[in-house]
Amino acid sequence: MIVVEDVHRHFGGFRAVDGASLSIREGTITGLIGPNGAGKTTLFNVIAGVLKPTSGRVTMAGEDITGLAPHLLFQKGLLRTFQIAHEFASMSVRENLMMVPGGQSGEQLWNAWFHRGRIATEERELTAKADEVLDFLTISHLADEKAGNLSGGQKKLLELGRTMMVDARIVFLDEVGAGVNRTLLNTIGDAILRLNRERGYTFVVIEHDMDFIDRLCDPVICMAEGRVLAEGSLDQIKADERVIEAYLGTGLKNKATAGAG
């Protein structure tokens, strides 16, 4: 579904992404791991149109999407969430969901004057859709709560819910587990698995929690210093000496040497 070819993103002399190439297969939940500063979020931002690459190419289902604006990618079904949730704090959880679909009749002043019936019909449909999403995510009890009052984990569920209000094809989740307690993280994991299995969502997940990655992701891609270091199952990744040295700890050879000394 997504092919990244030799993508670079430089900030002055700093090469945040330095020749990354990878492929995301449709229907998978792909994990993207690596040490802080590996270029994972920057690569997400390039794919999702938040940043334009210095060079390189990104395609989606064979179509060149390099540098397309986020709203155009949104229309194609490519969505992303952020490490810090971006909710409308003063609006209810239900209203946050209802805001997502574009092209609503109520957005045009003409319709507000002369087509109130159409607007009312759309709002009823959006309310029903939002309530379905809340029920799917097991947070119906929060429907009328102001989004700003939610916990960090609940806000991450709300962000996931936003992707369900449109026909998402691929969703990029950036550290969905950051600041989330284990119970809510399990709930988020359940929702991701159901969306993948029941609705055909493709996911790419940046996460440092290896238990979460192990439960959800296959394959797993490891980045370091702006490049793809290794790809495979989590067991293969954890056994890769390059990954051990760059991310998981001191290399096995070094450990052996230290032990012998």
Protein backbone atom coordinates (compact mmCIF):
# COMPACT_ATOMS: atom_id res chain seq x y z
CA MET A 1 0.00 0.00 0.00
CA ILE A 2 2.81 2.42 0.90
CA VAL A 3 6.27 2.41 -0.67
CA VAL A 4 8.96 4.78 0.59
CA GLU A 5 11.95 5.08 -1.75
CA ASP A 6 15.25 6.61 -0.61
CA VAL A 7 13.57 9.40 1.37
CA HIS A 8 15.72 12.13 2.90
CA ARG A 9 14.59 14.94 5.17
CA HIS A 10 17.24 17.39 6.27
CA PHE A 11 17.01 20.29 8.71
CA GLY A 12 20.01 22.37 7.78
CA GLY A 13 22.97 20.08 8.30
CA PHE A 14 20.99 17.57 10.38
CA ARG A 15 19.74 14.53 8.46
CA ALA A 16 16.67 13.41 10.39
CA VAL A 17 15.78 10.91 7.66
CA ASP A 18 18.79 9.78 5.66
CA GLY A 19 17.85 7.52 2.78
CA ALA A 20 14.98 5.51 4.30
CA SER A 21 13.27 2.91 2.13
CA LEU A 22 10.45 0.61 3.22
CA SER A 23 7.17 -0.95 2.15
CA ILE A 24 3.90 -1.29 4.06
CA ARG A 25 1.70 -4.17 2.95
CA GLU A 26 -2.04 -3.70 2.83
CA GLY A 27 -3.90 -5.34 5.71
CA THR A 28 -0.93 -5.47 8.08
CA ILE A 29 -0.19 -3.85 11.43
CA THR A 30 3.42 -2.81 10.99
CA GLY A 31 5.51 -1.75 13.96
CA LEU A 32 8.14 0.97 13.59
CA ILE A 33 10.69 0.97 16.40
CA GLY A 34 14.06 2.52 17.09
CA PRO A 35 15.88 4.76 19.55
CA ASN A 36 14.87 8.36 20.15
CA GLY A 37 16.16 10.48 17.28
CA ALA A 38 16.03 7.60 14.80
CA GLY A 39 13.81 9.59 12.45
CA LYS A 40 10.56 7.66 12.98
CA THR A 41 8.24 10.61 13.59
CA THR A 42 9.91 12.69 10.89
CA LEU A 43 9.34 9.86 8.42
CA PHE A 44 5.69 9.70 9.52
CA ASN A 45 5.43 13.44 8.91
CA VAL A 46 6.90 13.10 5.43
CA ILE A 47 4.56 10.25 4.47
CA ALA A 48 1.52 12.08 5.91
CA GLY A 49 2.34 15.35 4.13
CA VAL A 50 3.18 17.35 7.26
CA LEU A 51 6.75 17.76 5.95
CA LYS A 52 8.02 17.69 2.39
CA PRO A 53 11.01 15.42 1.81
CA THR A 54 14.36 16.90 0.84
CA SER A 55 14.47 14.12 -1.74
CA GLY A 56 12.97 10.71 -2.36
CA ARG A 57 9.54 9.37 -3.26
CA VAL A 58 6.43 8.06 -1.51
CA THR A 59 3.68 6.13 -3.30
CA MET A 60 0.30 4.89 -2.11
CA ALA A 61 -1.25 2.01 -4.06
CA GLY A 62 1.05 2.92 -6.93
CA GLU A 63 0.16 6.63 -6.94
CA ASP A 64 2.89 9.17 -6.27
CA ILE A 65 1.83 11.09 -3.15
CA THR A 66 5.17 12.73 -2.40
CA GLY A 67 4.63 16.10 -0.76
CA LEU A 68 0.83 16.05 -1.01
CA ALA A 69 -0.89 18.16 1.65
CA PRO A 70 -2.40 16.34 4.65
CA HIS A 71 -6.00 17.22 3.70
CA LEU A 72 -5.51 15.65 0.26
CA LEU A 73 -4.06 12.52 1.81
CA PHE A 74 -6.95 12.51 4.28
CA GLN A 75 -9.33 12.36 1.32
CA LYS A 76 -7.41 9.36 -0.01
CA GLY A 77 -7.81 7.55 3.32
CA LEU A 78 -4.34 8.16 4.79
CA LEU A 79 -4.61 9.42 8.37
CA ARG A 80 -2.20 9.88 11.24
CA THR A 81 -2.38 10.54 14.96
CA PHE A 82 0.18 12.41 17.04
CA GLN A 83 2.16 11.72 20.21
CA ILE A 84 0.14 14.48 21.88
CA ALA A 85 -3.59 14.22 21.16
CA HIS A 86 -5.13 17.19 19.32
CA GLU A 87 -8.69 17.38 20.60
CA PHE A 88 -11.16 20.27 20.64
CA ALA A 89 -11.01 20.64 24.41
CA SER A 90 -14.20 22.64 24.95
CA MET A 91 -16.36 20.38 22.78
CA SER A 92 -17.88 17.07 23.85
CA VAL A 93 -16.36 13.75 22.84
CA ARG A 94 -19.30 13.13 20.50
CA GLU A 95 -18.93 16.57 18.92
CA ASN A 96 -15.21 15.96 18.37
CA LEU A 97 -16.10 12.90 16.30
CA MET A 98 -18.86 14.67 14.40
CA MET A 99 -16.38 17.36 13.31
CA VAL A 100 -14.25 14.90 11.32
CA PRO A 101 -16.07 14.27 8.01
CA GLY A 102 -15.50 17.02 5.47
CA GLY A 103 -17.96 18.63 3.09
CA GLN A 104 -20.79 18.93 5.60
CA SER A 105 -23.75 21.04 4.42
CA GLY A 106 -23.69 23.14 7.58
CA GLU A 107 -20.26 24.48 6.65
CA GLN A 108 -21.85 26.69 3.98
CA LEU A 109 -23.79 29.79 4.98
CA TRP A 110 -26.22 29.35 2.08
CA ASN A 111 -27.31 25.96 3.38
CA ALA A 112 -27.67 27.31 6.92
CA TRP A 113 -30.23 29.78 5.55
CA PHE A 114 -32.11 27.71 2.98
CA HIS A 115 -31.41 24.00 3.59
CA ARG A 116 -31.83 23.52 7.31
CA GLY A 117 -33.61 20.22 6.77
CA ARG A 118 -30.60 18.79 4.93
CA ILE A 119 -28.30 19.95 7.74
CA ALA A 120 -30.54 18.38 10.39
CA THR A 121 -30.59 15.06 8.50
CA GLU A 122 -26.79 15.04 8.22
CA GLU A 123 -26.40 15.84 11.91
CA ARG A 124 -28.66 12.92 12.85
CA GLU A 125 -26.58 10.61 10.65
CA LEU A 126 -23.32 11.93 12.11
CA THR A 127 -24.63 11.55 15.66
CA ALA A 128 -25.58 7.94 14.96
CA LYS A 129 -22.16 7.28 13.42
CA ALA A 130 -20.36 8.90 16.35
CA ASP A 131 -22.37 6.86 18.85
CA GLU A 132 -21.52 3.69 16.92
CA VAL A 133 -17.83 4.57 17.12
CA LEU A 134 -18.03 5.32 20.84
CA ASP A 135 -19.74 1.99 21.43
CA PHE A 136 -17.06 0.19 19.39
CA LEU A 137 -14.36 1.81 21.54
CA THR A 138 -16.28 1.10 24.77
CA ILE A 139 -16.35 4.79 25.75
CA SER A 140 -20.04 5.55 25.22
CA HIS A 141 -20.20 6.77 28.81
CA LEU A 142 -17.91 9.67 27.82
CA ALA A 143 -20.04 10.88 24.89
CA ASP A 144 -21.11 14.13 26.55
CA GLU A 145 -17.88 14.75 28.48
CA LYS A 146 -15.73 17.67 27.36
CA ALA A 147 -12.77 16.26 25.48
CA GLY A 148 -10.37 18.43 27.48
CA ASN A 149 -11.34 16.53 30.63
CA LEU A 150 -10.30 13.14 29.28
CA SER A 151 -7.25 11.26 30.50
CA GLY A 152 -4.30 10.78 28.17
CA GLY A 153 -5.39 7.27 27.28
CA GLN A 154 -8.97 8.32 26.65
CA LYS A 155 -7.74 11.06 24.33
CA LYS A 156 -5.77 8.45 22.38
CA LEU A 157 -8.98 6.41 22.04
CA LEU A 158 -10.76 9.53 20.81
CA GLU A 159 -8.06 10.05 18.17
CA LEU A 160 -8.52 6.45 17.05
CA GLY A 161 -12.26 7.09 16.94
CA ARG A 162 -11.72 10.00 14.58
CA THR A 163 -10.19 7.66 12.02
CA MET A 164 -13.40 5.61 12.16
CA MET A 165 -15.58 8.57 11.18
CA VAL A 166 -14.23 8.44 7.61
CA ASP A 167 -13.22 5.64 5.26
CA ALA A 168 -9.64 5.26 6.47
CA ARG A 169 -7.43 2.92 4.47
CA ILE A 170 -4.16 3.31 6.38
CA VAL A 171 -3.59 4.90 9.79
CA PHE A 172 -0.24 5.99 11.22
CA LEU A 173 -0.23 5.89 15.03
CA ASP A 174 2.60 7.81 16.72
CA GLU A 175 3.36 6.47 20.22
CA VAL A 176 -0.21 5.58 21.00
CA GLY A 177 0.93 4.09 24.32
CA ALA A 178 2.80 7.16 25.61
CA GLY A 179 1.42 8.16 29.01
CA VAL A 180 -1.34 5.54 28.87
CA ASN A 181 -2.01 3.11 31.71
CA ARG A 182 -1.89 -0.60 30.98
CA THR A 183 -5.67 -1.14 31.14
CA LEU A 184 -6.41 1.58 28.60
CA LEU A 185 -3.48 0.48 26.44
CA ASN A 186 -5.04 -2.98 26.27
CA THR A 187 -8.35 -1.39 25.25
CA ILE A 188 -6.58 0.59 22.52
CA GLY A 189 -4.83 -2.58 21.36
CA ASP A 190 -8.14 -4.45 21.21
CA ALA A 191 -9.66 -1.68 19.08
CA ILE A 192 -6.70 -1.67 16.67
CA LEU A 193 -6.88 -5.44 16.23
CA ARG A 194 -10.64 -5.33 15.61
CA LEU A 195 -10.33 -2.50 13.09
CA ASN A 196 -7.62 -4.46 11.29
CA ARG A 197 -9.45 -7.80 11.28
CA GLU A 198 -13.06 -6.69 10.91
CA ARG A 199 -12.76 -3.53 8.83
CA GLY A 200 -9.54 -4.06 6.92
CA TYR A 201 -7.60 -1.10 8.32
CA THR A 202 -3.86 -1.06 7.66
CA PHE A 203 -1.85 0.36 10.56
CA VAL A 204 1.70 1.57 11.08
CA VAL A 205 2.57 1.97 14.76
CA ILE A 206 5.48 3.84 16.34
CA GLU A 207 5.86 2.50 19.85
CA HIS A 208 8.55 1.84 22.48
CA ASP A 209 6.46 -0.67 24.46
CA MET A 210 7.74 -4.00 23.14
CA ASP A 211 4.87 -5.97 24.72
CA PHE A 212 2.40 -3.82 22.78
CA ILE A 213 4.43 -4.25 19.57
CA ASP A 214 4.66 -8.00 20.15
CA ARG A 215 0.90 -8.31 20.62
CA LEU A 216 -0.08 -6.31 17.53
CA CYS A 217 2.66 -6.02 14.96
CA ASP A 218 4.01 -8.20 12.19
CA PRO A 219 6.24 -7.18 10.53
CA VAL A 220 8.39 -4.87 12.64
CA ILE A 221 10.77 -2.32 11.11
CA CYS A 222 13.66 -0.86 13.10
CA MET A 223 15.14 2.53 12.25
CA ALA A 224 18.37 4.09 13.46
CA GLU A 225 20.11 7.30 12.42
CA GLY A 226 17.47 8.08 9.80
CA ARG A 227 17.68 4.76 7.99
CA VAL A 228 15.94 1.38 8.06
CA LEU A 229 18.19 -0.97 9.99
CA ALA A 230 16.23 -4.23 9.93
CA GLU A 231 12.81 -5.71 9.17
CA GLY A 232 11.11 -8.95 10.18
CA SER A 233 9.19 -10.51 13.03
CA LEU A 234 9.82 -9.06 16.48
CA ASP A 235 11.82 -12.16 17.41
CA GLN A 236 14.02 -11.69 14.35
CA ILE A 237 14.46 -8.00 15.13
CA LYS A 238 15.38 -8.68 18.76
CA ALA A 239 17.97 -11.22 17.66
CA ASP A 240 19.60 -8.89 15.12
CA GLU A 241 23.01 -7.76 16.38
CA ARG A 242 22.68 -4.39 14.63
CA VAL A 243 19.40 -3.70 16.42
CA ILE A 244 20.82 -4.79 19.76
CA GLU A 245 23.72 -2.39 19.38
CA ALA A 246 21.63 0.53 18.13
CA TYR A 247 18.51 0.20 20.25
CA LEU A 248 18.06 -2.72 22.61
CA GLY A 249 21.37 -2.50 24.44
CA THR A 250 25.04 -3.37 24.20
CA GLY A 251 25.93 -5.75 21.39
CA LEU A 252 26.15 -9.45 22.16
CA LYS A 253 29.80 -9.56 21.25
CA ASN A 254 30.58 -6.72 23.61
CA LYS A 255 28.61 -8.45 26.36
CA ALA A 256 30.56 -11.62 25.77
CA THR A 257 33.84 -9.74 25.91
CA ALA A 258 32.83 -7.97 29.11
CA GLY A 259 31.83 -11.27 30.65
CA ALA A 260 35.14 -12.86 29.73
CA GLY A 261 37.01 -9.95 31.30
